[in-house]
Amino acid sequence: MQPLTFLELEKYALSGKSNYWEEGYKYRWQYMDYVIAQAVKIGGQKIIEAGASGMPLFKDSFLFDYPEYDLNNIPYKFKDKEFDTFIALQVWEHLEKQSDAFREVMRISKNAILSFPYKWTWGDKQHKGIDDKKILEWTCNINPESVKIINHRIIMTWRFD
């Protein structure tokens, strides 16, 4: 596993290729760095990342990104427990059937790290009002192994094996 570094993120963010990354990359790095550390702690070699927006956290991860791959297109075409870790940051609120997608994540991976906008009162309706109750509903009432809040984002880690 070769993780993204801050300097690589900064270089990409300042390249002018993406307004998404240029705006707030230092702010985003704070939670991305934590997620990288969590994935390294979990271990394993096969990572799948959903919604990386051109900037995966691990250089050799499998990118499960739209439009080639759609998280709403269930079942996913992967074997049971094919991946060691599934990572999706700030993605779940955009899905149509979050709990169905979470069940698929449990099927195809041994671990998951997801982040959600947490109790936002600003932004569009997809990002507002996401609280503990909503997240538990989306994640099939399965409590995570760890929880961390960074910059109004809640990061949760599950082990499924």
C-alpha atoms as a PDB file:
ATOM      1  CA  MET A   1       0.000   0.000   0.000  1.00  0.00           C
ATOM      2  CA  GLN A   2       1.487   3.281  -1.085  1.00  0.00           C
ATOM      3  CA  PRO A   3      -0.454   6.148   0.522  1.00  0.00           C
ATOM      4  CA  LEU A   4      -0.991   9.605  -0.869  1.00  0.00           C
ATOM      5  CA  THR A   5       1.192  12.296   0.685  1.00  0.00           C
ATOM      6  CA  PHE A   6       0.225  15.862   1.479  1.00  0.00           C
ATOM      7  CA  LEU A   7       2.725  17.169  -1.083  1.00  0.00           C
ATOM      8  CA  GLU A   8       1.135  15.032  -3.810  1.00  0.00           C
ATOM      9  CA  LEU A   9      -2.329  16.293  -2.865  1.00  0.00           C
ATOM     10  CA  GLU A  10      -1.107  19.888  -2.820  1.00  0.00           C
ATOM     11  CA  LYS A  11       0.583  19.549  -6.217  1.00  0.00           C
ATOM     12  CA  TYR A  12      -2.617  18.154  -7.751  1.00  0.00           C
ATOM     13  CA  ALA A  13      -4.822  20.710  -5.998  1.00  0.00           C
ATOM     14  CA  LEU A  14      -2.749  23.613  -7.273  1.00  0.00           C
ATOM     15  CA  SER A  15      -2.426  22.209 -10.826  1.00  0.00           C
ATOM     16  CA  GLY A  16      -5.712  23.807 -11.882  1.00  0.00           C
ATOM     17  CA  LYS A  17      -7.191  20.447 -12.941  1.00  0.00           C
ATOM     18  CA  SER A  18      -9.967  20.441 -10.349  1.00  0.00           C
ATOM     19  CA  ASN A  19     -11.761  23.220  -8.503  1.00  0.00           C
ATOM     20  CA  TYR A  20     -12.977  20.611  -6.019  1.00  0.00           C
ATOM     21  CA  TRP A  21      -9.456  19.901  -4.807  1.00  0.00           C
ATOM     22  CA  GLU A  22      -8.118  23.436  -5.132  1.00  0.00           C
ATOM     23  CA  GLU A  23     -10.741  24.701  -2.712  1.00  0.00           C
ATOM     24  CA  GLY A  24      -9.990  23.458   0.781  1.00  0.00           C
ATOM     25  CA  TYR A  25      -7.387  20.772   0.144  1.00  0.00           C
ATOM     26  CA  LYS A  26      -5.577  21.634   3.403  1.00  0.00           C
ATOM     27  CA  TYR A  27      -8.849  21.301   5.279  1.00  0.00           C
ATOM     28  CA  ARG A  28      -9.665  17.986   3.569  1.00  0.00           C
ATOM     29  CA  TRP A  29      -6.181  16.621   4.233  1.00  0.00           C
ATOM     30  CA  GLN A  30      -6.898  16.636   7.973  1.00  0.00           C
ATOM     31  CA  TYR A  31      -9.484  13.882   7.658  1.00  0.00           C
ATOM     32  CA  MET A  32      -7.831  12.168   4.686  1.00  0.00           C
ATOM     33  CA  ASP A  33      -4.620  11.728   6.700  1.00  0.00           C
ATOM     34  CA  TYR A  34      -6.595  10.094   9.512  1.00  0.00           C
ATOM     35  CA  VAL A  35      -8.280   7.710   7.041  1.00  0.00           C
ATOM     36  CA  ILE A  36      -4.914   6.758   5.553  1.00  0.00           C
ATOM     37  CA  ALA A  37      -3.614   5.963   9.041  1.00  0.00           C
ATOM     38  CA  GLN A  38      -6.706   3.847   9.765  1.00  0.00           C
ATOM     39  CA  ALA A  39      -6.289   1.870   6.532  1.00  0.00           C
ATOM     40  CA  VAL A  40      -2.591   1.276   7.228  1.00  0.00           C
ATOM     41  CA  LYS A  41      -3.477   0.134  10.758  1.00  0.00           C
ATOM     42  CA  ILE A  42      -6.032  -2.333   9.355  1.00  0.00           C
ATOM     43  CA  GLY A  43      -3.443  -3.704   6.951  1.00  0.00           C
ATOM     44  CA  GLY A  44      -4.033  -5.845   3.907  1.00  0.00           C
ATOM     45  CA  GLN A  45      -3.083  -5.113   0.338  1.00  0.00           C
ATOM     46  CA  LYS A  46      -6.295  -4.890  -1.636  1.00  0.00           C
ATOM     47  CA  ILE A  47      -8.147  -1.585  -1.195  1.00  0.00           C
ATOM     48  CA  ILE A  48     -11.194  -0.371  -3.089  1.00  0.00           C
ATOM     49  CA  GLU A  49     -11.975   3.362  -3.047  1.00  0.00           C
ATOM     50  CA  ALA A  50     -15.319   4.821  -4.054  1.00  0.00           C
ATOM     51  CA  GLY A  51     -15.787   8.452  -5.020  1.00  0.00           C
ATOM     52  CA  ALA A  52     -12.114   9.433  -4.919  1.00  0.00           C
ATOM     53  CA  SER A  53     -12.708  12.311  -7.360  1.00  0.00           C
ATOM     54  CA  GLY A  54      -9.401  11.774  -9.098  1.00  0.00           C
ATOM     55  CA  MET A  55      -7.387  11.693  -5.880  1.00  0.00           C
ATOM     56  CA  PRO A  56      -7.227   8.179  -4.384  1.00  0.00           C
ATOM     57  CA  LEU A  57      -5.691   7.789  -0.935  1.00  0.00           C
ATOM     58  CA  PHE A  58      -3.662   4.788  -2.111  1.00  0.00           C
ATOM     59  CA  LYS A  59      -1.910   4.660  -5.467  1.00  0.00           C
ATOM     60  CA  ASP A  60      -2.592   0.986  -6.075  1.00  0.00           C
ATOM     61  CA  SER A  61      -6.208   0.882  -4.919  1.00  0.00           C
ATOM     62  CA  PHE A  62      -9.059  -0.189  -7.167  1.00  0.00           C
ATOM     63  CA  LEU A  63     -11.091   2.908  -8.073  1.00  0.00           C
ATOM     64  CA  PHE A  64     -14.823   2.329  -7.899  1.00  0.00           C
ATOM     65  CA  ASP A  65     -15.783   5.671  -9.418  1.00  0.00           C
ATOM     66  CA  TYR A  66     -18.684   7.000 -11.434  1.00  0.00           C
ATOM     67  CA  PRO A  67     -19.412   6.829 -14.349  1.00  0.00           C
ATOM     68  CA  GLU A  68     -17.554   3.561 -14.956  1.00  0.00           C
ATOM     69  CA  TYR A  69     -18.798   2.142 -11.657  1.00  0.00           C
ATOM     70  CA  ASP A  70     -21.990   3.220  -9.920  1.00  0.00           C
ATOM     71  CA  LEU A  71     -22.486   2.436  -6.224  1.00  0.00           C
ATOM     72  CA  ASN A  72     -26.230   2.405  -6.869  1.00  0.00           C
ATOM     73  CA  ASN A  73     -25.867  -0.501  -9.331  1.00  0.00           C
ATOM     74  CA  ILE A  74     -26.322  -3.399  -6.909  1.00  0.00           C
ATOM     75  CA  PRO A  75     -25.143  -6.165  -6.661  1.00  0.00           C
ATOM     76  CA  TYR A  76     -21.524  -5.217  -7.239  1.00  0.00           C
ATOM     77  CA  LYS A  77     -19.617  -7.477  -9.579  1.00  0.00           C
ATOM     78  CA  PHE A  78     -16.986  -8.544  -7.063  1.00  0.00           C
ATOM     79  CA  LYS A  79     -16.422 -11.763  -5.169  1.00  0.00           C
ATOM     80  CA  ASP A  80     -17.247 -12.112  -1.500  1.00  0.00           C
ATOM     81  CA  LYS A  81     -14.487 -10.582   0.661  1.00  0.00           C
ATOM     82  CA  GLU A  82     -12.475  -9.734  -2.459  1.00  0.00           C
ATOM     83  CA  PHE A  83     -11.091  -6.578  -0.839  1.00  0.00           C
ATOM     84  CA  ASP A  84      -9.346  -6.002   2.461  1.00  0.00           C
ATOM     85  CA  THR A  85     -10.709  -2.466   2.894  1.00  0.00           C
ATOM     86  CA  PHE A  86     -13.442  -0.389   1.283  1.00  0.00           C
ATOM     87  CA  ILE A  87     -13.027   3.393   1.558  1.00  0.00           C
ATOM     88  CA  ALA A  88     -15.652   6.013   0.700  1.00  0.00           C
ATOM     89  CA  LEU A  89     -15.315   9.593   1.915  1.00  0.00           C
ATOM     90  CA  GLN A  90     -18.254  11.962   1.661  1.00  0.00           C
ATOM     91  CA  VAL A  91     -20.072   9.631  -0.752  1.00  0.00           C
ATOM     92  CA  TRP A  92     -22.870   7.862   1.116  1.00  0.00           C
ATOM     93  CA  GLU A  93     -25.178  10.874   1.249  1.00  0.00           C
ATOM     94  CA  HIS A  94     -25.294  10.844  -2.574  1.00  0.00           C
ATOM     95  CA  LEU A  95     -26.550   7.264  -2.888  1.00  0.00           C
ATOM     96  CA  GLU A  96     -30.133   6.191  -3.547  1.00  0.00           C
ATOM     97  CA  LYS A  97     -30.203   3.106  -1.292  1.00  0.00           C
ATOM     98  CA  GLN A  98     -27.517   3.521   1.346  1.00  0.00           C
ATOM     99  CA  SER A  99     -28.333   0.432   3.400  1.00  0.00           C
ATOM    100  CA  ASP A 100     -28.328  -1.809   0.302  1.00  0.00           C
ATOM    101  CA  ALA A 101     -24.941  -0.386  -0.681  1.00  0.00           C
ATOM    102  CA  PHE A 102     -23.621  -0.963   2.849  1.00  0.00           C
ATOM    103  CA  ARG A 103     -24.703  -4.614   2.704  1.00  0.00           C
ATOM    104  CA  GLU A 104     -22.725  -4.965  -0.524  1.00  0.00           C
ATOM    105  CA  VAL A 105     -19.688  -3.359   1.115  1.00  0.00           C
ATOM    106  CA  MET A 106     -19.958  -5.922   3.929  1.00  0.00           C
ATOM    107  CA  ARG A 107     -20.093  -8.682   1.330  1.00  0.00           C
ATOM    108  CA  ILE A 108     -17.148  -7.607  -0.826  1.00  0.00           C
ATOM    109  CA  SER A 109     -14.747  -6.340   1.862  1.00  0.00           C
ATOM    110  CA  LYS A 110     -13.345  -7.328   5.231  1.00  0.00           C
ATOM    111  CA  ASN A 111     -13.273  -3.745   6.525  1.00  0.00           C
ATOM    112  CA  ALA A 112     -14.775  -0.385   5.657  1.00  0.00           C
ATOM    113  CA  ILE A 113     -13.933   3.228   6.341  1.00  0.00           C
ATOM    114  CA  LEU A 114     -16.694   5.702   5.539  1.00  0.00           C
ATOM    115  CA  SER A 115     -17.017   9.403   6.229  1.00  0.00           C
ATOM    116  CA  PHE A 116     -20.201  11.427   6.340  1.00  0.00           C
ATOM    117  CA  PRO A 117     -20.972  15.135   6.656  1.00  0.00           C
ATOM    118  CA  TYR A 118     -21.925  15.231  10.333  1.00  0.00           C
ATOM    119  CA  LYS A 119     -24.768  17.421  11.589  1.00  0.00           C
ATOM    120  CA  TRP A 120     -24.218  20.052   8.903  1.00  0.00           C
ATOM    121  CA  THR A 121     -26.678  22.942   8.943  1.00  0.00           C
ATOM    122  CA  TRP A 122     -25.355  24.381   5.661  1.00  0.00           C
ATOM    123  CA  GLY A 123     -24.987  23.144   2.101  1.00  0.00           C
ATOM    124  CA  ASP A 124     -27.510  21.355  -0.060  1.00  0.00           C
ATOM    125  CA  LYS A 125     -30.177  18.971   1.222  1.00  0.00           C
ATOM    126  CA  GLN A 126     -27.985  15.889   0.631  1.00  0.00           C
ATOM    127  CA  HIS A 127     -25.483  17.153   3.192  1.00  0.00           C
ATOM    128  CA  LYS A 128     -27.780  18.630   5.858  1.00  0.00           C
ATOM    129  CA  GLY A 129     -29.228  16.787   8.825  1.00  0.00           C
ATOM    130  CA  ILE A 130     -27.035  13.694   8.776  1.00  0.00           C
ATOM    131  CA  ASP A 131     -26.835  12.553  12.365  1.00  0.00           C
ATOM    132  CA  ASP A 132     -26.189   9.360  14.323  1.00  0.00           C
ATOM    133  CA  LYS A 133     -29.695   8.029  13.693  1.00  0.00           C
ATOM    134  CA  LYS A 134     -29.448   8.552   9.918  1.00  0.00           C
ATOM    135  CA  ILE A 135     -25.971   7.004   9.750  1.00  0.00           C
ATOM    136  CA  LEU A 136     -27.090   3.927  11.725  1.00  0.00           C
ATOM    137  CA  GLU A 137     -30.034   3.560   9.347  1.00  0.00           C
ATOM    138  CA  TRP A 138     -27.687   3.772   6.336  1.00  0.00           C
ATOM    139  CA  THR A 139     -25.250   1.261   7.876  1.00  0.00           C
ATOM    140  CA  CYS A 140     -27.846  -1.372   8.806  1.00  0.00           C
ATOM    141  CA  ASN A 141     -27.641  -0.538  12.539  1.00  0.00           C
ATOM    142  CA  ILE A 142     -24.160  -2.032  12.688  1.00  0.00           C
ATOM    143  CA  ASN A 143     -22.001  -0.150  15.150  1.00  0.00           C
ATOM    144  CA  PRO A 144     -18.524   0.748  13.922  1.00  0.00           C
ATOM    145  CA  GLU A 145     -15.336  -0.340  15.627  1.00  0.00           C
ATOM    146  CA  SER A 146     -14.104   3.250  15.791  1.00  0.00           C
ATOM    147  CA  VAL A 147     -15.471   6.757  15.338  1.00  0.00           C
ATOM    148  CA  LYS A 148     -13.649  10.054  14.888  1.00  0.00           C
ATOM    149  CA  ILE A 149     -15.008  13.519  14.114  1.00  0.00           C
ATOM    150  CA  ILE A 150     -12.736  15.832  12.130  1.00  0.00           C
ATOM    151  CA  ASN A 151     -13.879  19.119  10.594  1.00  0.00           C
ATOM    152  CA  HIS A 152     -17.599  18.342  10.778  1.00  0.00           C
ATOM    153  CA  ARG A 153     -17.083  14.941   9.203  1.00  0.00           C
ATOM    154  CA  ILE A 154     -17.609  11.720  11.070  1.00  0.00           C
ATOM    155  CA  ILE A 155     -15.267   8.907  10.098  1.00  0.00           C
ATOM    156  CA  MET A 156     -16.293   5.375  10.984  1.00  0.00           C
ATOM    157  CA  THR A 157     -14.375   2.129  10.672  1.00  0.00           C
ATOM    158  CA  TRP A 158     -15.935  -1.342  10.583  1.00  0.00           C
ATOM    159  CA  ARG A 159     -14.427  -4.838  10.616  1.00  0.00           C
ATOM    160  CA  PHE A 160     -16.577  -7.509   8.971  1.00  0.00           C
ATOM    161  CA  ASP A 161     -14.363 -10.611   9.139  1.00  0.00           C
END
